[in-house]
Protein backbone atom coordinates (compact mmCIF):
# COMPACT_ATOMS: atom_id res chain seq x y z
CA MET A 1 -31.86 -7.05 20.08
CA SER A 2 -32.25 -3.99 17.43
CA LYS A 3 -34.64 -4.78 14.51
CA ILE A 4 -33.04 -2.58 13.02
CA SER A 5 -29.63 -3.46 10.45
CA SER A 6 -26.15 -2.36 10.89
CA THR A 7 -26.10 -1.37 7.08
CA TYR A 8 -29.11 0.91 7.73
CA ARG A 9 -27.93 2.00 11.02
CA VAL A 10 -24.56 3.05 9.02
CA ILE A 11 -26.46 5.08 6.03
CA GLU A 12 -28.82 6.94 8.44
CA ILE A 13 -25.89 8.01 10.62
CA LEU A 14 -23.78 9.73 7.50
CA ARG A 15 -26.62 11.24 6.10
CA ASP A 16 -27.39 12.87 9.82
CA LEU A 17 -23.44 13.74 10.32
CA GLN A 18 -23.49 15.07 6.25
CA ASN A 19 -26.32 16.91 7.65
CA GLY A 20 -23.85 18.76 10.65
CA ARG A 21 -25.36 17.23 13.43
CA VAL A 22 -23.39 16.27 16.72
CA LEU A 23 -23.83 12.76 17.13
CA SER A 24 -24.55 10.44 21.08
CA ILE A 25 -23.11 7.13 21.12
CA LYS A 26 -25.47 7.44 24.01
CA ASN A 27 -28.65 8.58 22.33
CA LEU A 28 -27.87 6.63 19.13
CA ALA A 29 -28.36 3.37 21.06
CA SER A 30 -31.17 3.92 23.15
CA TYR A 31 -32.83 5.26 19.84
CA TYR A 32 -31.79 2.04 17.22
CA GLU A 33 -32.68 -0.73 20.86
CA THR A 34 -28.82 -1.50 20.50
CA SER A 35 -25.32 -1.72 22.79
CA GLU A 36 -23.21 1.05 22.66
CA ARG A 37 -20.59 -1.23 21.69
CA SER A 38 -22.69 -1.63 18.05
CA ILE A 39 -22.33 2.13 18.03
CA ARG A 40 -19.00 2.24 18.06
CA ARG A 41 -18.52 -0.20 15.26
CA ASP A 42 -20.51 1.63 14.00
CA PHE A 43 -18.58 4.73 13.81
CA GLU A 44 -15.45 1.98 13.01
CA LEU A 45 -16.98 1.41 10.02
CA ILE A 46 -17.02 4.71 8.67
CA ALA A 47 -13.56 5.60 9.61
CA GLU A 48 -12.14 2.10 8.12
CA ILE A 49 -14.04 3.34 4.35
CA PHE A 50 -13.74 7.11 4.57
CA GLY A 51 -10.86 7.64 6.51
CA ASP A 52 -10.43 10.73 9.25
CA ILE A 53 -13.31 12.89 8.46
CA LEU A 54 -14.81 12.09 11.73
CA ILE A 55 -14.42 14.67 14.92
CA SER A 56 -14.81 14.08 18.54
CA PRO A 57 -16.40 17.56 20.53
CA LYS A 58 -17.00 15.21 22.75
CA LYS A 59 -15.70 11.93 24.94
CA GLY A 60 -18.90 9.60 22.74
CA GLU A 61 -19.14 12.55 20.44
CA PHE A 62 -19.11 12.65 17.19
CA ALA A 63 -19.37 15.37 13.57
CA MET A 64 -18.52 14.98 10.27
CA ILE A 65 -14.92 17.12 9.29
CA GLN A 66 -16.69 17.65 5.97
CA LYS A 67 -20.49 17.59 4.85
CA ALA A 68 -21.45 15.71 1.24
CA VAL A 69 -19.83 12.47 2.11
CA LEU A 70 -22.53 10.86 0.25
CA GLU A 71 -22.39 12.29 -2.90
CA ASN A 72 -18.56 13.49 -2.90
CA VAL A 73 -16.90 10.28 -1.43
CA LEU A 74 -19.07 8.26 -2.54
CA GLU A 75 -18.15 8.76 -6.06
CA SER A 76 -13.90 9.62 -5.11
CA SER A 77 -10.98 7.60 -6.02
CA GLU A 78 -10.98 6.49 -2.26
CA ILE A 79 -14.02 4.86 -2.81
CA TYR A 80 -13.35 3.19 -5.89
CA MET A 81 -10.04 1.99 -3.77
CA LEU A 82 -12.05 0.46 -1.82
CA LYS A 83 -14.42 -1.47 -4.27
CA ASP A 84 -11.14 -2.85 -6.41
CA ILE A 85 -10.36 -4.49 -2.68
CA LEU A 86 -13.78 -5.73 -1.92
CA THR A 87 -14.28 -6.95 -5.58
CA PHE A 88 -10.80 -8.90 -5.02
CA GLY A 89 -11.17 -10.38 -1.40
CA LYS A 90 -14.72 -11.76 -3.07
CA LYS A 91 -12.99 -13.66 -5.91
CA TYR A 92 -10.69 -15.67 -4.48
CA ASN A 93 -12.79 -15.25 -0.86
CA LEU A 94 -9.28 -14.03 0.52
CA SER A 95 -9.82 -11.76 4.42
CA LEU A 96 -8.83 -8.60 2.33
CA ASP A 97 -12.72 -7.22 3.89
CA LYS A 98 -13.40 -9.49 6.94
CA ASP A 99 -14.55 -6.76 8.99
CA ILE A 100 -17.21 -5.12 6.67
CA ASP A 101 -20.50 -5.75 6.70
CA GLU A 102 -21.84 -7.96 4.05
CA ARG A 103 -24.75 -6.25 3.53
CA LEU A 104 -23.08 -2.94 2.53
CA LYS A 105 -19.74 -5.30 0.72
CA ASN A 106 -22.91 -5.75 -1.54
CA THR A 107 -24.30 -1.71 -2.04
CA LEU A 108 -20.36 -1.06 -3.11
CA LEU A 109 -20.13 -3.41 -5.66
CA SER A 110 -23.41 -2.64 -7.19
CA PRO A 111 -22.54 -1.59 -10.74
CA GLN A 112 -22.95 2.35 -11.12
CA MET A 113 -22.86 2.77 -15.16
CA HIS A 114 -23.25 6.00 -14.59
CA SER A 115 -20.48 6.46 -12.40
CA PRO A 116 -17.99 9.75 -14.01
CA TYR A 117 -15.14 7.86 -13.12
CA VAL A 118 -12.96 5.10 -14.99
CA PHE A 119 -9.47 3.75 -13.00
CA VAL A 120 -7.16 2.53 -15.50
CA HIS A 121 -5.41 -0.50 -13.56
CA LYS A 122 -2.36 -2.45 -14.42
CA PRO A 123 -3.03 -6.08 -14.21
CA TYR A 124 -2.72 -7.61 -10.87
CA GLU A 125 -0.27 -10.78 -10.80
CA GLU A 126 -2.90 -13.63 -11.23
CA ILE A 127 -3.41 -15.75 -7.60
CA PHE A 128 -6.15 -18.41 -8.25
CA THR A 129 -3.60 -20.75 -8.54
CA ASN A 130 -1.81 -19.70 -5.84
CA LYS A 131 -5.44 -19.26 -3.42
CA ASP A 132 -4.91 -22.29 -1.37
CA LYS A 133 -1.30 -20.56 -0.83
CA PHE A 134 -2.76 -17.09 0.48
CA LYS A 135 -5.05 -18.98 2.60
CA PHE A 136 -2.26 -20.89 4.10
CA LEU A 137 -0.59 -18.20 4.93
CA GLU A 138 -3.30 -15.71 5.73
CA GLN A 139 -4.12 -18.43 9.20
CA ALA A 140 -0.32 -18.60 9.88
CA ILE A 141 -0.12 -14.82 10.36
CA LYS A 142 -3.21 -14.23 12.12
CA SER A 143 -2.06 -17.57 14.54
CA GLN A 144 1.91 -16.25 14.65
CA LYS A 145 3.03 -20.02 13.41
CA GLN A 146 6.51 -19.78 12.17
CA ILE A 147 6.92 -21.77 8.54
CA ILE A 148 9.26 -22.96 6.85
CA PHE A 149 9.26 -23.20 2.64
CA THR A 150 11.09 -23.61 -0.76
CA TYR A 151 11.53 -20.64 -3.16
CA LYS A 152 12.68 -20.82 -6.43
CA ASN A 153 14.27 -17.93 -8.34
CA LEU A 154 15.29 -18.69 -11.42
CA ASP A 155 17.82 -21.93 -10.98
CA ARG A 156 18.57 -21.07 -7.33
CA ILE A 157 16.36 -23.07 -5.05
CA THR A 158 16.55 -22.00 -1.46
CA SER A 159 14.98 -22.67 2.23
CA PHE A 160 14.05 -20.58 4.74
CA CYS A 161 12.24 -20.89 8.12
CA LEU A 162 10.60 -17.20 8.79
CA ASN A 163 8.60 -15.50 10.91
CA PRO A 164 5.32 -14.44 8.61
CA HIS A 165 3.89 -11.01 9.48
CA LYS A 166 1.81 -9.39 6.56
CA ILE A 167 1.14 -9.99 3.04
CA VAL A 168 1.99 -6.96 0.98
CA PHE A 169 0.89 -5.96 -2.69
CA ILE A 170 3.69 -4.40 -4.12
CA ASN A 171 4.04 -3.23 -7.94
CA GLU A 172 0.90 -5.58 -8.75
CA ASN A 173 2.15 -8.83 -7.37
CA PHE A 174 1.81 -10.25 -3.49
CA TYR A 175 4.88 -10.75 -1.03
CA LEU A 176 4.91 -11.87 2.38
CA ALA A 177 6.78 -10.19 4.62
CA SER A 178 8.40 -12.12 7.27
CA LEU A 179 10.82 -11.46 9.42
CA SER A 180 14.03 -14.12 9.94
CA LYS A 181 15.28 -15.52 13.30
CA ASN A 182 18.10 -12.07 13.13
CA GLU A 183 15.39 -10.05 12.36
CA ASN A 184 15.81 -9.82 9.43
CA MET A 185 13.20 -8.73 6.78
CA ILE A 186 13.05 -10.92 4.23
CA LEU A 187 10.22 -10.33 1.47
CA SER A 188 9.47 -13.48 -0.61
CA ARG A 189 7.27 -13.48 -3.67
CA ILE A 190 4.27 -15.42 -2.93
CA ALA A 191 4.04 -17.15 -5.88
CA MET A 192 7.46 -18.57 -5.94
CA MET A 193 6.80 -20.17 -2.81
CA SER A 194 6.38 -23.79 -2.32
CA ASP A 195 6.33 -27.00 -0.06
CA ILE A 196 5.10 -24.12 2.92
CA LYS A 197 4.30 -26.02 6.45
CA PHE A 198 4.20 -25.12 9.71
CA SER A 199 7.65 -25.35 11.64
CA GLY A 200 5.75 -26.34 14.83
CA LYS A 201 7.07 -23.32 16.74
CA LYS A 202 5.17 -20.37 17.72
CA PHE A 203 6.57 -16.20 17.52
CA ASP A 204 5.62 -12.98 18.95
CA LYS A 205 4.76 -10.48 16.61
CA ASN A 206 7.18 -7.54 15.70
CA TYR A 207 5.27 -4.53 15.82
CA THR A 208 7.85 -1.97 14.70
CA PHE A 209 8.17 -4.53 11.98
CA LEU A 210 4.20 -4.76 11.15
CA ASP A 211 4.17 -0.68 10.88
CA PHE A 212 7.41 -1.01 8.54
CA CYS A 213 5.08 -2.94 6.28
CA GLU A 214 2.37 -0.37 6.22
CA LYS A 215 4.76 1.72 5.44
CA LEU A 216 6.34 -0.71 2.07
CA THR A 217 6.71 1.31 -1.21
CA SER A 218 9.15 -0.84 -3.15
CA PRO A 219 10.25 -4.55 -2.71
CA TRP A 220 13.91 -2.93 -2.13
CA ALA A 221 13.23 -1.21 1.15
CA ARG A 222 15.64 -1.89 3.92
CA PHE A 223 13.86 -2.89 7.88
CA LEU A 224 16.15 -1.58 10.56
CA PRO A 225 14.46 -1.86 14.20
CA ASP A 226 15.35 1.30 14.22
CA TYR A 227 14.96 2.46 11.02
CA LYS A 228 13.03 5.74 11.48
CA ASN A 229 16.83 6.97 12.93
CA LYS A 230 18.55 5.72 9.61
CA LEU A 231 16.88 7.10 6.86
CA ILE A 232 18.31 7.59 4.11
CA ASP A 233 18.19 11.75 2.34
CA VAL A 234 18.17 11.82 -1.87
CA ILE A 235 17.80 14.92 -3.89
CA ILE A 236 17.70 15.12 -7.26
CA GLU A 237 17.62 17.94 -9.75
CA LEU A 238 14.74 17.96 -12.72
CA PRO A 239 14.44 20.74 -14.93
CA LYS A 240 10.89 23.47 -15.66
CA ALA A 241 9.82 20.93 -17.96
CA GLN A 242 9.88 17.56 -15.83
CA ALA A 243 9.50 19.24 -12.85
CA LYS A 244 5.89 20.17 -13.09
CA TYR A 245 5.03 16.19 -12.90
CA PHE A 246 6.69 15.46 -9.35
CA LYS A 247 4.93 19.14 -8.52
CA LEU A 248 1.87 17.30 -9.12
CA LYS A 249 2.30 13.95 -7.59
CA LYS A 250 4.40 12.05 -5.23
CA PHE A 251 6.73 9.24 -6.97
CA HIS A 252 6.87 8.24 -3.36
CA PRO A 253 5.35 8.94 -0.23
CA SER A 254 8.35 10.72 1.29
CA GLN A 255 8.59 12.90 -1.48
CA TYR A 256 8.67 17.04 -0.72
CA ILE A 257 9.70 19.96 -2.84
CA ILE A 258 13.37 21.61 -1.79
CA SER A 259 13.83 24.27 -4.30
CA GLU A 260 13.26 25.94 -7.27
CA ASP A 261 15.19 28.36 -9.25
CA GLU A 262 14.34 31.40 -11.34
CA ALA A 263 15.31 28.61 -14.54
CA GLY A 264 12.21 26.64 -13.39
CA PHE A 265 14.89 23.79 -12.21
CA VAL A 266 13.38 22.30 -8.68
CA ARG A 267 15.39 20.29 -5.77
CA VAL A 268 13.36 17.28 -4.80
CA GLY A 269 14.20 14.92 -1.70
CA PHE A 270 12.82 12.20 -0.65
CA LYS A 271 13.98 9.52 2.58
CA VAL A 272 14.05 5.99 1.74
CA THR A 273 15.42 2.93 3.81
CA SER A 274 17.43 1.89 1.14
CA GLN A 275 18.96 3.91 -2.79
CA ASN A 276 17.55 1.34 -4.12
CA GLU A 277 14.41 2.54 -3.70
CA ILE A 278 14.61 5.34 -5.24
CA ILE A 279 16.63 3.84 -8.16
CA PRO A 280 13.98 2.82 -10.78
CA ILE A 281 12.39 6.64 -10.33
CA ILE A 282 15.25 7.82 -11.16
CA LYS A 283 16.31 5.70 -13.90
CA SER A 284 12.66 6.50 -15.65
CA TRP A 285 13.44 10.26 -15.83
CA ILE A 286 17.12 9.66 -17.62
CA PRO A 287 18.11 11.63 -18.95
CA TYR A 288 16.49 14.36 -17.49
CA VAL A 289 17.58 14.17 -14.03
CA ASN A 290 20.29 14.91 -11.77
CA VAL A 291 20.75 13.11 -8.61
CA ILE A 292 22.88 15.73 -5.71
CA ALA A 293 23.30 13.25 -3.04
CA PRO A 294 24.20 11.44 -1.31
CA GLN A 295 27.66 10.92 -3.68
CA ASN A 296 27.65 7.27 -3.53
CA LEU A 297 24.15 7.16 -5.30
CA VAL A 298 25.80 9.49 -7.90
CA ASP A 299 28.25 7.20 -8.14
CA ILE A 300 26.07 3.94 -8.54
CA MET A 301 23.72 5.69 -11.73
CA ARG A 302 26.80 7.22 -13.36
CA LYS A 303 28.19 3.34 -13.11
CA ILE A 304 24.64 2.51 -14.70
CA SER A 305 24.51 5.38 -17.27
CA GLU A 306 28.05 3.95 -18.04
CA ARG A 307 26.65 0.65 -18.73
CA PHE A 308 24.02 1.33 -20.15
CA TYR A 309 25.83 3.58 -22.50
CA ASP A 310 28.61 0.76 -23.67
CA LYS A 311 25.99 -1.92 -24.28
CA THR A 312 24.03 -0.23 -26.64
CA HIS A 313 27.02 1.95 -28.26
CA GLY A 314 28.59 -1.74 -28.49
CA ILE A 315 25.47 -3.47 -30.34
CA SER A 316 25.32 0.23 -32.30
CA ARG A 317 28.66 -0.87 -34.04
CA LYS A 318 27.91 -4.56 -34.36
CA ASN A 319 25.04 -3.53 -36.43
CA GLN A 320 27.26 -1.13 -38.31
CA GLN A 321 29.73 -4.30 -39.24
CA LYS A 322 26.90 -6.37 -40.28
CA LEU A 323 24.81 -3.38 -42.83
CA SER A 324 28.79 -3.22 -44.22
């Protein structure tokens, strides 16, 4: 039994990796008087927190792709995102962080008053009053138990019987991603769910759907069993002044630059499961954006623009009549 804590091991391993050493799982297990399985878990923990920073020159050996992880990565946006997750899970006693060593959590959550970073977030959906729902749904997902519940959206109340797969955080709100009996995806806003119970039946996980959930970026995404082969290509065009923002940042994970002409007009492409995924992005860049393809999206955006013009024009005329 090792007398050295796993947290201490992880910190020492990180420092050795940072210094460019190639570390052997077998040698580390002998040095720390612990099992090779425990050392492998240490490396898995490093990968969970810092991402793909490790390479394996030989079987059973690890080295770091880049140095200075303690100075750079621990002060980067990734670690602050991790701290957000840890803080959120700790506040509501949820299993968002169940695989992270408790002492390492405390280290990451300690105040850093002199950090050069400030990350401003939109307010999260408040879930304190719904924490029991989250715990119930966590249990349903882990034990693969089918659930039944009622869903209230404005005055419309609907009953569902679904197979819950993931709790998804999108646009600062929490959704339950489930499949119906016919394998249709249902995204349910958890705050709108009530009377949640087990149906008494169990279900088999759909691993294609689980993969889809990992890539979800919008509540308007559409799941199909072969969704990867049925992605929709969307092309928009922006003038130079607005195009620069699309060069600096991705507004959708699939975004890519297609071309740029001499005047600076840039064509940007997206691959989406549903046109509804991209419509909010397009709306936010009106009147500068021009939709090139597909044609039915061009027609949809034209109708949206016409309705907006008719509505605002009608309001404007009413105001003029009042003034006169």
